[in-house]
C-alpha atoms as a PDB file:
ATOM      1  CA  MET A   1       0.928  61.754  34.794  1.00  0.00           C
ATOM      2  CA  LEU A   2       1.359  63.229  31.330  1.00  0.00           C
ATOM      3  CA  ARG A   3      -1.075  65.712  29.871  1.00  0.00           C
ATOM      4  CA  ARG A   4      -2.464  64.209  26.689  1.00  0.00           C
ATOM      5  CA  SER A   5      -3.967  65.267  23.403  1.00  0.00           C
ATOM      6  CA  PRO A   6      -7.754  64.805  23.183  1.00  0.00           C
ATOM      7  CA  LEU A   7      -9.010  61.242  22.751  1.00  0.00           C
ATOM      8  CA  LYS A   8      -9.033  60.346  19.052  1.00  0.00           C
ATOM      9  CA  LEU A   9     -12.449  59.324  17.778  1.00  0.00           C
ATOM     10  CA  SER A  10     -11.201  58.224  14.356  1.00  0.00           C
ATOM     11  CA  CYS A  11      -8.350  56.168  12.923  1.00  0.00           C
ATOM     12  CA  PRO A  12      -5.198  58.165  12.027  1.00  0.00           C
ATOM     13  CA  TYR A  13      -4.897  56.203   8.751  1.00  0.00           C
ATOM     14  CA  CYS A  14      -8.351  55.431   7.353  1.00  0.00           C
ATOM     15  CA  ARG A  15     -10.408  57.913   9.473  1.00  0.00           C
ATOM     16  CA  SER A  16     -12.901  55.211  10.482  1.00  0.00           C
ATOM     17  CA  ASN A  17     -14.659  55.703  13.813  1.00  0.00           C
ATOM     18  CA  LYS A  18     -14.714  51.948  14.549  1.00  0.00           C
ATOM     19  CA  ILE A  19     -12.194  52.155  17.393  1.00  0.00           C
ATOM     20  CA  ILE A  20     -11.747  49.795  20.347  1.00  0.00           C
ATOM     21  CA  ILE A  21      -9.289  49.749  23.257  1.00  0.00           C
ATOM     22  CA  LYS A  22      -6.794  46.848  23.282  1.00  0.00           C
ATOM     23  CA  TYR A  23      -4.352  47.767  26.070  1.00  0.00           C
ATOM     24  CA  ARG A  24      -4.583  50.167  29.009  1.00  0.00           C
ATOM     25  CA  GLY A  25      -1.917  51.797  31.130  1.00  0.00           C
ATOM     26  CA  HIS A  26       1.257  50.667  29.356  1.00  0.00           C
ATOM     27  CA  TYR A  27       4.530  52.517  29.924  1.00  0.00           C
ATOM     28  CA  HIS A  28       7.468  52.963  27.578  1.00  0.00           C
ATOM     29  CA  LYS A  29       9.732  49.892  27.582  1.00  0.00           C
ATOM     30  CA  ILE A  30      12.991  51.829  28.006  1.00  0.00           C
ATOM     31  CA  ILE A  31      12.058  55.036  29.847  1.00  0.00           C
ATOM     32  CA  HIS A  32       9.755  53.473  32.388  1.00  0.00           C
ATOM     33  CA  SER A  33       8.501  56.810  33.748  1.00  0.00           C
ATOM     34  CA  TYR A  34       7.119  57.787  30.316  1.00  0.00           C
ATOM     35  CA  GLY A  35       3.412  56.968  30.336  1.00  0.00           C
ATOM     36  CA  PRO A  36       0.955  55.487  30.950  1.00  0.00           C
ATOM     37  CA  PHE A  37      -0.532  55.008  27.475  1.00  0.00           C
ATOM     38  CA  ASP A  38      -3.672  53.281  26.272  1.00  0.00           C
ATOM     39  CA  PHE A  39      -3.611  51.532  22.900  1.00  0.00           C
ATOM     40  CA  SER A  40      -6.545  51.451  20.488  1.00  0.00           C
ATOM     41  CA  ILE A  41      -7.206  49.349  17.388  1.00  0.00           C
ATOM     42  CA  CYS A  42      -9.102  50.376  14.255  1.00  0.00           C
ATOM     43  CA  GLN A  43     -11.570  47.653  13.318  1.00  0.00           C
ATOM     44  CA  SER A  44     -11.655  48.885   9.700  1.00  0.00           C
ATOM     45  CA  CYS A  45      -7.991  48.916   8.607  1.00  0.00           C
ATOM     46  CA  GLY A  46      -6.480  47.031  11.552  1.00  0.00           C
ATOM     47  CA  CYS A  47      -3.910  49.608  12.664  1.00  0.00           C
ATOM     48  CA  GLY A  48      -3.103  50.316  16.299  1.00  0.00           C
ATOM     49  CA  PHE A  49      -2.294  53.629  17.960  1.00  0.00           C
ATOM     50  CA  ASN A  50      -1.837  55.349  21.306  1.00  0.00           C
ATOM     51  CA  ASN A  51      -5.125  56.918  22.297  1.00  0.00           C
ATOM     52  CA  PRO A  52      -4.945  59.579  23.481  1.00  0.00           C
ATOM     53  CA  MET A  53      -1.637  60.413  21.827  1.00  0.00           C
ATOM     54  CA  PRO A  54       1.196  62.344  23.476  1.00  0.00           C
ATOM     55  CA  THR A  55       1.263  66.041  22.643  1.00  0.00           C
ATOM     56  CA  ALA A  56       3.886  67.524  20.330  1.00  0.00           C
ATOM     57  CA  LYS A  57       5.469  69.189  23.372  1.00  0.00           C
ATOM     58  CA  GLU A  58       5.708  65.851  25.213  1.00  0.00           C
ATOM     59  CA  LEU A  59       7.314  64.227  22.181  1.00  0.00           C
ATOM     60  CA  LYS A  60       9.947  66.958  21.918  1.00  0.00           C
ATOM     61  CA  SER A  61      10.800  66.547  25.590  1.00  0.00           C
ATOM     62  CA  PHE A  62      10.950  62.769  25.187  1.00  0.00           C
ATOM     63  CA  TYR A  63      13.302  62.874  22.190  1.00  0.00           C
ATOM     64  CA  ASN A  64      15.562  65.371  23.936  1.00  0.00           C
ATOM     65  CA  SER A  65      16.461  62.510  26.276  1.00  0.00           C
ATOM     66  CA  TYR A  66      17.704  60.466  23.317  1.00  0.00           C
ATOM     67  CA  SER A  67      20.931  60.508  21.330  1.00  0.00           C
ATOM     68  CA  SER A  68      19.939  61.667  17.814  1.00  0.00           C
ATOM     69  CA  GLY A  69      16.570  59.925  18.004  1.00  0.00           C
ATOM     70  CA  MET A  70      17.628  56.736  19.836  1.00  0.00           C
ATOM     71  CA  PRO A  71      18.693  55.694  23.373  1.00  0.00           C
ATOM     72  CA  GLU A  72      22.481  55.744  23.712  1.00  0.00           C
ATOM     73  CA  ASN A  73      22.693  52.086  24.789  1.00  0.00           C
ATOM     74  CA  TYR A  74      20.630  51.039  21.756  1.00  0.00           C
ATOM     75  CA  ARG A  75      22.822  53.050  19.422  1.00  0.00           C
ATOM     76  CA  SER A  76      26.023  51.585  20.873  1.00  0.00           C
ATOM     77  CA  VAL A  77      24.843  48.000  20.356  1.00  0.00           C
ATOM     78  CA  MET A  78      23.846  48.876  16.780  1.00  0.00           C
ATOM     79  CA  GLN A  79      27.430  49.665  15.743  1.00  0.00           C
ATOM     80  CA  GLU A  80      27.274  46.951  13.113  1.00  0.00           C
ATOM     81  CA  SER A  81      29.594  46.473  10.184  1.00  0.00           C
ATOM     82  CA  THR A  82      28.915  48.617   7.145  1.00  0.00           C
ATOM     83  CA  GLU A  83      28.070  45.581   5.069  1.00  0.00           C
ATOM     84  CA  SER A  84      25.471  44.029   7.362  1.00  0.00           C
ATOM     85  CA  SER A  85      23.483  46.754   9.120  1.00  0.00           C
ATOM     86  CA  TRP A  86      19.876  47.583   8.305  1.00  0.00           C
ATOM     87  CA  HIS A  87      21.027  51.104   7.498  1.00  0.00           C
ATOM     88  CA  SER A  88      23.223  49.667   4.758  1.00  0.00           C
ATOM     89  CA  GLN A  89      20.402  47.437   3.556  1.00  0.00           C
ATOM     90  CA  ILE A  90      18.072  50.422   3.128  1.00  0.00           C
ATOM     91  CA  ALA A  91      20.781  52.507   1.426  1.00  0.00           C
ATOM     92  CA  SER A  92      21.421  49.657  -1.038  1.00  0.00           C
ATOM     93  CA  ASP A  93      17.688  49.228  -1.654  1.00  0.00           C
ATOM     94  CA  LEU A  94      17.398  52.944  -2.408  1.00  0.00           C
ATOM     95  CA  ILE A  95      20.225  52.730  -4.942  1.00  0.00           C
ATOM     96  CA  LYS A  96      18.430  49.840  -6.638  1.00  0.00           C
ATOM     97  CA  LEU A  97      15.290  51.973  -6.882  1.00  0.00           C
ATOM     98  CA  THR A  98      17.182  54.858  -8.488  1.00  0.00           C
ATOM     99  CA  LYS A  99      18.669  52.504 -11.070  1.00  0.00           C
ATOM    100  CA  LYS A 100      15.324  50.835 -11.772  1.00  0.00           C
ATOM    101  CA  HIS A 101      13.797  54.234 -12.510  1.00  0.00           C
ATOM    102  CA  ASN A 102      16.822  55.502 -14.477  1.00  0.00           C
ATOM    103  CA  PHE A 103      17.754  58.398 -12.195  1.00  0.00           C
ATOM    104  CA  ASN A 104      20.718  60.510 -13.259  1.00  0.00           C
ATOM    105  CA  SER A 105      23.835  60.034 -11.140  1.00  0.00           C
ATOM    106  CA  ASP A 106      23.481  63.571  -9.732  1.00  0.00           C
ATOM    107  CA  PHE A 107      19.958  63.006  -8.351  1.00  0.00           C
ATOM    108  CA  THR A 108      18.834  64.920  -5.274  1.00  0.00           C
ATOM    109  CA  TRP A 109      17.537  63.181  -2.165  1.00  0.00           C
ATOM    110  CA  LEU A 110      16.022  63.970   1.234  1.00  0.00           C
ATOM    111  CA  ASP A 111      16.204  61.784   4.348  1.00  0.00           C
ATOM    112  CA  VAL A 112      13.176  62.590   6.543  1.00  0.00           C
ATOM    113  CA  GLY A 113      13.620  61.733  10.224  1.00  0.00           C
ATOM    114  CA  SER A 114      17.327  61.112   9.760  1.00  0.00           C
ATOM    115  CA  GLY A 115      18.348  60.078  13.287  1.00  0.00           C
ATOM    116  CA  ALA A 116      22.138  60.054  13.414  1.00  0.00           C
ATOM    117  CA  GLY A 117      22.366  60.162   9.610  1.00  0.00           C
ATOM    118  CA  GLU A 118      23.446  56.527   9.242  1.00  0.00           C
ATOM    119  CA  ILE A 119      21.506  55.872   6.030  1.00  0.00           C
ATOM    120  CA  ALA A 120      22.330  59.289   4.603  1.00  0.00           C
ATOM    121  CA  SER A 121      26.064  58.749   5.136  1.00  0.00           C
ATOM    122  CA  ARG A 122      25.940  55.356   3.415  1.00  0.00           C
ATOM    123  CA  LEU A 123      23.802  56.660   0.551  1.00  0.00           C
ATOM    124  CA  SER A 124      26.180  59.555  -0.124  1.00  0.00           C
ATOM    125  CA  LYS A 125      29.039  57.049  -0.432  1.00  0.00           C
ATOM    126  CA  LEU A 126      27.084  54.742  -2.742  1.00  0.00           C
ATOM    127  CA  ALA A 127      25.990  57.684  -4.920  1.00  0.00           C
ATOM    128  CA  PRO A 128      28.923  60.130  -4.711  1.00  0.00           C
ATOM    129  CA  ALA A 129      27.560  62.397  -7.462  1.00  0.00           C
ATOM    130  CA  SER A 130      24.197  62.820  -5.718  1.00  0.00           C
ATOM    131  CA  TYR A 131      23.128  65.800  -3.586  1.00  0.00           C
ATOM    132  CA  GLY A 132      21.677  64.915  -0.192  1.00  0.00           C
ATOM    133  CA  SER A 133      19.743  66.649   2.567  1.00  0.00           C
ATOM    134  CA  CYS A 134      18.471  65.480   5.940  1.00  0.00           C
ATOM    135  CA  ILE A 135      15.740  66.783   8.214  1.00  0.00           C
ATOM    136  CA  ASP A 136      15.136  66.000  11.885  1.00  0.00           C
ATOM    137  CA  LEU A 137      14.307  67.656  15.202  1.00  0.00           C
ATOM    138  CA  HIS A 138      17.886  67.749  16.505  1.00  0.00           C
ATOM    139  CA  PRO A 139      21.062  69.435  15.184  1.00  0.00           C
ATOM    140  CA  ALA A 140      23.357  67.605  12.784  1.00  0.00           C
ATOM    141  CA  PRO A 141      25.241  64.735  14.487  1.00  0.00           C
ATOM    142  CA  LYS A 142      29.027  64.843  14.442  1.00  0.00           C
ATOM    143  CA  GLY A 143      29.311  61.884  12.071  1.00  0.00           C
ATOM    144  CA  VAL A 144      27.465  63.583   9.195  1.00  0.00           C
ATOM    145  CA  ASN A 145      29.745  65.015   6.509  1.00  0.00           C
ATOM    146  CA  SER A 146      28.502  68.610   6.195  1.00  0.00           C
ATOM    147  CA  SER A 147      30.373  69.075   2.924  1.00  0.00           C
ATOM    148  CA  ARG A 148      28.291  66.313   1.330  1.00  0.00           C
ATOM    149  CA  ILE A 149      24.975  66.493   3.191  1.00  0.00           C
ATOM    150  CA  LEU A 150      22.862  69.529   4.106  1.00  0.00           C
ATOM    151  CA  TRP A 151      21.226  69.162   7.539  1.00  0.00           C
ATOM    152  CA  LEU A 152      17.868  70.864   8.126  1.00  0.00           C
ATOM    153  CA  GLN A 153      16.615  71.129  11.703  1.00  0.00           C
ATOM    154  CA  ASP A 154      12.816  71.068  11.914  1.00  0.00           C
ATOM    155  CA  ASP A 155       9.925  69.218  13.538  1.00  0.00           C
ATOM    156  CA  ILE A 156       8.519  66.590  11.142  1.00  0.00           C
ATOM    157  CA  ASN A 157       5.237  66.675  13.074  1.00  0.00           C
ATOM    158  CA  THR A 158       4.580  70.069  11.463  1.00  0.00           C
ATOM    159  CA  ASN A 159       4.048  71.145   7.856  1.00  0.00           C
ATOM    160  CA  PHE A 160       7.809  70.998   7.398  1.00  0.00           C
ATOM    161  CA  SER A 161       7.627  71.040   3.589  1.00  0.00           C
ATOM    162  CA  LYS A 162       6.722  74.745   3.689  1.00  0.00           C
ATOM    163  CA  ASN A 163      10.175  75.559   5.021  1.00  0.00           C
ATOM    164  CA  ILE A 164      12.049  73.728   2.255  1.00  0.00           C
ATOM    165  CA  LYS A 165      12.293  75.661  -0.989  1.00  0.00           C
ATOM    166  CA  LYS A 166      13.261  72.842  -3.347  1.00  0.00           C
ATOM    167  CA  LYS A 167      12.068  69.465  -4.575  1.00  0.00           C
ATOM    168  CA  PHE A 168      13.896  66.143  -4.623  1.00  0.00           C
ATOM    169  CA  LYS A 169      14.070  63.150  -6.926  1.00  0.00           C
ATOM    170  CA  LEU A 170      14.163  60.749  -3.959  1.00  0.00           C
ATOM    171  CA  VAL A 171      12.524  61.246  -0.560  1.00  0.00           C
ATOM    172  CA  TYR A 172      12.723  58.480   2.026  1.00  0.00           C
ATOM    173  CA  ALA A 173      11.702  57.919   5.641  1.00  0.00           C
ATOM    174  CA  SER A 174      13.203  54.839   7.266  1.00  0.00           C
ATOM    175  CA  ALA A 175      11.311  53.648  10.372  1.00  0.00           C
ATOM    176  CA  VAL A 176       9.770  57.085  10.855  1.00  0.00           C
ATOM    177  CA  ILE A 177       6.036  57.103  10.121  1.00  0.00           C
ATOM    178  CA  GLU A 178       5.268  55.171  13.323  1.00  0.00           C
ATOM    179  CA  HIS A 179       6.724  58.118  15.276  1.00  0.00           C
ATOM    180  CA  VAL A 180       4.536  60.892  13.828  1.00  0.00           C
ATOM    181  CA  LEU A 181       1.230  62.211  15.141  1.00  0.00           C
ATOM    182  CA  ASP A 182      -0.643  62.378  11.828  1.00  0.00           C
ATOM    183  CA  PRO A 183       0.594  59.946   9.138  1.00  0.00           C
ATOM    184  CA  GLU A 184      -1.497  61.468   6.339  1.00  0.00           C
ATOM    185  CA  ILE A 185      -0.156  64.984   6.969  1.00  0.00           C
ATOM    186  CA  PHE A 186       3.374  63.570   7.202  1.00  0.00           C
ATOM    187  CA  LEU A 187       3.123  61.696   3.892  1.00  0.00           C
ATOM    188  CA  THR A 188       1.526  64.703   2.206  1.00  0.00           C
ATOM    189  CA  ASN A 189       4.476  66.848   3.282  1.00  0.00           C
ATOM    190  CA  CYS A 190       6.886  64.237   1.913  1.00  0.00           C
ATOM    191  CA  LEU A 191       5.032  64.191  -1.410  1.00  0.00           C
ATOM    192  CA  ASN A 192       5.035  68.008  -1.537  1.00  0.00           C
ATOM    193  CA  LEU A 193       8.829  67.800  -1.708  1.00  0.00           C
ATOM    194  CA  LEU A 194       8.910  65.158  -4.440  1.00  0.00           C
ATOM    195  CA  ASP A 195       9.796  66.132  -8.000  1.00  0.00           C
ATOM    196  CA  SER A 196       7.856  64.805 -11.004  1.00  0.00           C
ATOM    197  CA  GLY A 197       9.013  61.259 -11.727  1.00  0.00           C
ATOM    198  CA  GLY A 198      10.455  61.035  -8.232  1.00  0.00           C
ATOM    199  CA  ILE A 199      10.195  58.258  -5.660  1.00  0.00           C
ATOM    200  CA  LEU A 200       8.995  58.374  -2.058  1.00  0.00           C
ATOM    201  CA  TYR A 201      10.123  55.314  -0.091  1.00  0.00           C
ATOM    202  CA  PHE A 202       9.465  54.295   3.491  1.00  0.00           C
ATOM    203  CA  PHE A 203       9.461  51.211   5.653  1.00  0.00           C
ATOM    204  CA  CYS A 204       7.795  50.772   9.026  1.00  0.00           C
ATOM    205  CA  PRO A 205       6.273  48.165  11.371  1.00  0.00           C
ATOM    206  CA  ASP A 206       3.339  46.089  10.086  1.00  0.00           C
ATOM    207  CA  PHE A 207       0.784  45.566  12.840  1.00  0.00           C
ATOM    208  CA  SER A 208      -0.949  42.883  10.749  1.00  0.00           C
ATOM    209  CA  SER A 209       2.237  40.770  10.584  1.00  0.00           C
ATOM    210  CA  LEU A 210       2.580  37.318  12.104  1.00  0.00           C
ATOM    211  CA  ALA A 211       5.330  38.601  14.405  1.00  0.00           C
ATOM    212  CA  SER A 212       2.967  41.216  15.836  1.00  0.00           C
ATOM    213  CA  LYS A 213       0.158  38.714  16.332  1.00  0.00           C
ATOM    214  CA  VAL A 214       2.386  36.144  18.029  1.00  0.00           C
ATOM    215  CA  MET A 215       4.401  38.465  20.287  1.00  0.00           C
ATOM    216  CA  ARG A 216       1.594  40.953  21.016  1.00  0.00           C
ATOM    217  CA  GLU A 217       2.865  43.575  23.497  1.00  0.00           C
ATOM    218  CA  LYS A 218       6.288  41.825  23.535  1.00  0.00           C
ATOM    219  CA  TRP A 219       6.750  42.688  19.843  1.00  0.00           C
ATOM    220  CA  PRO A 220       9.874  44.905  19.654  1.00  0.00           C
ATOM    221  CA  TYR A 221       8.066  47.464  17.489  1.00  0.00           C
ATOM    222  CA  TYR A 222       5.432  47.954  20.202  1.00  0.00           C
ATOM    223  CA  LEU A 223       6.823  50.999  22.041  1.00  0.00           C
ATOM    224  CA  PRO A 224       4.071  52.948  23.858  1.00  0.00           C
ATOM    225  CA  GLY A 225       4.451  56.707  23.523  1.00  0.00           C
ATOM    226  CA  GLU A 226       7.220  56.445  20.902  1.00  0.00           C
ATOM    227  CA  HIS A 227       5.745  54.263  18.165  1.00  0.00           C
ATOM    228  CA  ILE A 228       2.553  56.282  18.303  1.00  0.00           C
ATOM    229  CA  THR A 229       0.856  54.453  15.443  1.00  0.00           C
ATOM    230  CA  LEU A 230       1.405  50.935  14.136  1.00  0.00           C
ATOM    231  CA  PRO A 231      -0.019  50.649  10.617  1.00  0.00           C
ATOM    232  CA  THR A 232      -0.976  47.608   8.582  1.00  0.00           C
ATOM    233  CA  LYS A 233      -0.521  47.201   4.837  1.00  0.00           C
ATOM    234  CA  SER A 234      -4.240  47.964   4.518  1.00  0.00           C
ATOM    235  CA  SER A 235      -3.789  51.148   6.596  1.00  0.00           C
ATOM    236  CA  ILE A 236      -1.026  52.419   4.336  1.00  0.00           C
ATOM    237  CA  ARG A 237      -2.909  51.569   1.131  1.00  0.00           C
ATOM    238  CA  ILE A 238      -6.042  53.392   2.321  1.00  0.00           C
ATOM    239  CA  CYS A 239      -4.031  56.397   3.496  1.00  0.00           C
ATOM    240  CA  LEU A 240      -2.116  56.642   0.211  1.00  0.00           C
ATOM    241  CA  GLY A 241      -5.367  56.140  -1.694  1.00  0.00           C
ATOM    242  CA  ASN A 242      -6.851  59.161   0.083  1.00  0.00           C
ATOM    243  CA  ILE A 243      -3.732  61.210  -0.654  1.00  0.00           C
ATOM    244  CA  SER A 244      -3.816  60.143  -4.323  1.00  0.00           C
ATOM    245  CA  LYS A 245      -7.123  62.025  -4.768  1.00  0.00           C
ATOM    246  CA  SER A 246      -5.108  65.266  -4.813  1.00  0.00           C
ATOM    247  CA  ASN A 247      -1.761  63.842  -5.985  1.00  0.00           C
ATOM    248  CA  GLU A 248      -0.919  61.869  -9.133  1.00  0.00           C
ATOM    249  CA  ILE A 249       0.881  58.889  -7.663  1.00  0.00           C
ATOM    250  CA  ILE A 250       1.333  55.157  -8.211  1.00  0.00           C
ATOM    251  CA  PHE A 251       2.217  53.080  -5.171  1.00  0.00           C
ATOM    252  CA  SER A 252       2.939  49.563  -3.938  1.00  0.00           C
ATOM    253  CA  VAL A 253       2.930  48.246  -0.355  1.00  0.00           C
ATOM    254  CA  THR A 254       4.633  44.918   0.423  1.00  0.00           C
ATOM    255  CA  ASN A 255       6.247  42.882   3.208  1.00  0.00           C
ATOM    256  CA  LYS A 256       9.807  43.794   4.196  1.00  0.00           C
ATOM    257  CA  ARG A 257      12.474  41.651   5.858  1.00  0.00           C
ATOM    258  CA  VAL A 258      14.967  43.908   7.590  1.00  0.00           C
ATOM    259  CA  SER A 259      18.583  43.005   8.303  1.00  0.00           C
ATOM    260  CA  TYR A 260      19.350  43.270  12.023  1.00  0.00           C
ATOM    261  CA  SER A 261      22.450  42.068  13.819  1.00  0.00           C
ATOM    262  CA  VAL A 262      21.837  39.043  16.040  1.00  0.00           C
ATOM    263  CA  GLN A 263      23.472  40.943  18.903  1.00  0.00           C
ATOM    264  CA  TYR A 264      20.949  43.762  18.542  1.00  0.00           C
ATOM    265  CA  MET A 265      17.966  41.380  18.522  1.00  0.00           C
ATOM    266  CA  LEU A 266      19.273  39.599  21.626  1.00  0.00           C
ATOM    267  CA  PHE A 267      19.660  42.985  23.293  1.00  0.00           C
ATOM    268  CA  LEU A 268      16.031  43.854  22.486  1.00  0.00           C
ATOM    269  CA  PHE A 269      14.820  40.633  24.122  1.00  0.00           C
ATOM    270  CA  ASN A 270      17.001  41.137  27.228  1.00  0.00           C
ATOM    271  CA  LEU A 271      19.213  38.181  26.312  1.00  0.00           C
ATOM    272  CA  GLN A 272      22.488  40.089  26.657  1.00  0.00           C
ATOM    273  CA  ARG A 273      24.230  37.040  28.170  1.00  0.00           C
ATOM    274  CA  LEU A 274      24.024  35.348  24.751  1.00  0.00           C
ATOM    275  CA  MET A 275      25.447  38.283  22.772  1.00  0.00           C
ATOM    276  CA  LYS A 276      29.043  37.187  23.324  1.00  0.00           C
ATOM    277  CA  PHE A 277      28.449  34.057  21.218  1.00  0.00           C
ATOM    278  CA  PHE A 278      27.813  36.071  18.025  1.00  0.00           C
ATOM    279  CA  PRO A 279      30.163  38.404  16.152  1.00  0.00           C
ATOM    280  CA  LEU A 280      29.087  42.032  15.919  1.00  0.00           C
ATOM    281  CA  ASN A 281      28.667  41.916  12.139  1.00  0.00           C
ATOM    282  CA  PHE A 282      26.553  38.733  12.074  1.00  0.00           C
ATOM    283  CA  SER A 283      23.179  39.809  10.731  1.00  0.00           C
ATOM    284  CA  ILE A 284      20.021  38.078   9.550  1.00  0.00           C
ATOM    285  CA  LYS A 285      17.021  39.364   7.639  1.00  0.00           C
ATOM    286  CA  PHE A 286      14.536  38.697  10.405  1.00  0.00           C
ATOM    287  CA  PRO A 287      10.790  38.293   9.781  1.00  0.00           C
ATOM    288  CA  SER A 288      10.354  41.059  12.353  1.00  0.00           C
ATOM    289  CA  GLY A 289       7.030  42.233  10.960  1.00  0.00           C
ATOM    290  CA  ALA A 290       7.753  45.199   8.704  1.00  0.00           C
ATOM    291  CA  LEU A 291       6.373  46.626   5.465  1.00  0.00           C
ATOM    292  CA  GLU A 292       7.706  48.921   2.766  1.00  0.00           C
ATOM    293  CA  ALA A 293       5.999  51.359   0.434  1.00  0.00           C
ATOM    294  CA  VAL A 294       7.248  52.751  -2.871  1.00  0.00           C
ATOM    295  CA  ILE A 295       5.389  55.764  -4.270  1.00  0.00           C
ATOM    296  CA  LEU A 296       6.046  57.186  -7.726  1.00  0.00           C
ATOM    297  CA  ARG A 297       4.924  60.728  -8.582  1.00  0.00           C
ATOM    298  CA  VAL A 298       3.769  60.687 -12.201  1.00  0.00           C
END
């Protein structure tokens, strides 16, 4: 039995105390010994979260069992073609944002919660004049080009912005906020590193999505003990609204269709026997139940 943080009496996004229990005693879907976890829902903003949450020490131990933030068998099945992976989709979307906001070609960027650096590597190729940095709990993976990308090793569940002595034109966190213990503190740290006129971008699961409502605990984004919080669009808007009281920002929160390979989705649903019928690079923008947020510092 894991030792847990104290029971949360308020929502991690909107701080409401209207909390109810939805699930009890669920274990992690991949590491079956990790748990059990109860899952609460905020009746105000609709988000869900593990309650009580794992401690920071438990999370570090858990991620040490992973390969750069992901199980090795998951990472191997995600070896998609450069053109079709969700990492490439996000990198391309980020380039579109920089062009929309007229960034110079030598803009600086920070990848928060970088995993194996897949998005960072693609972004550095799409914007060869840019200057990139990554931050995550583990050392730099072998595939990251150290001559092009600076790797910073730190815990993003802390006030990590205090240890970084520069600001960036673009800060992004791809499928990260659901992993952190306090989303408001995390987003505040990201904004602390954002230069004037810069963009903070992130995408994450949307607990209010149709996919979540239909699949319930079978929803792939429902991962007890790893996806610690599952926000809704309302959750993110309220959280950013609270942050905007001390930061001059403009933000939008919308639905996001993410490009996943069909092989990867079949793997998630334990339908490996069907994977052989689809090429590795065959991807679809699934209505998996995700959202994206774009925040401009003015």
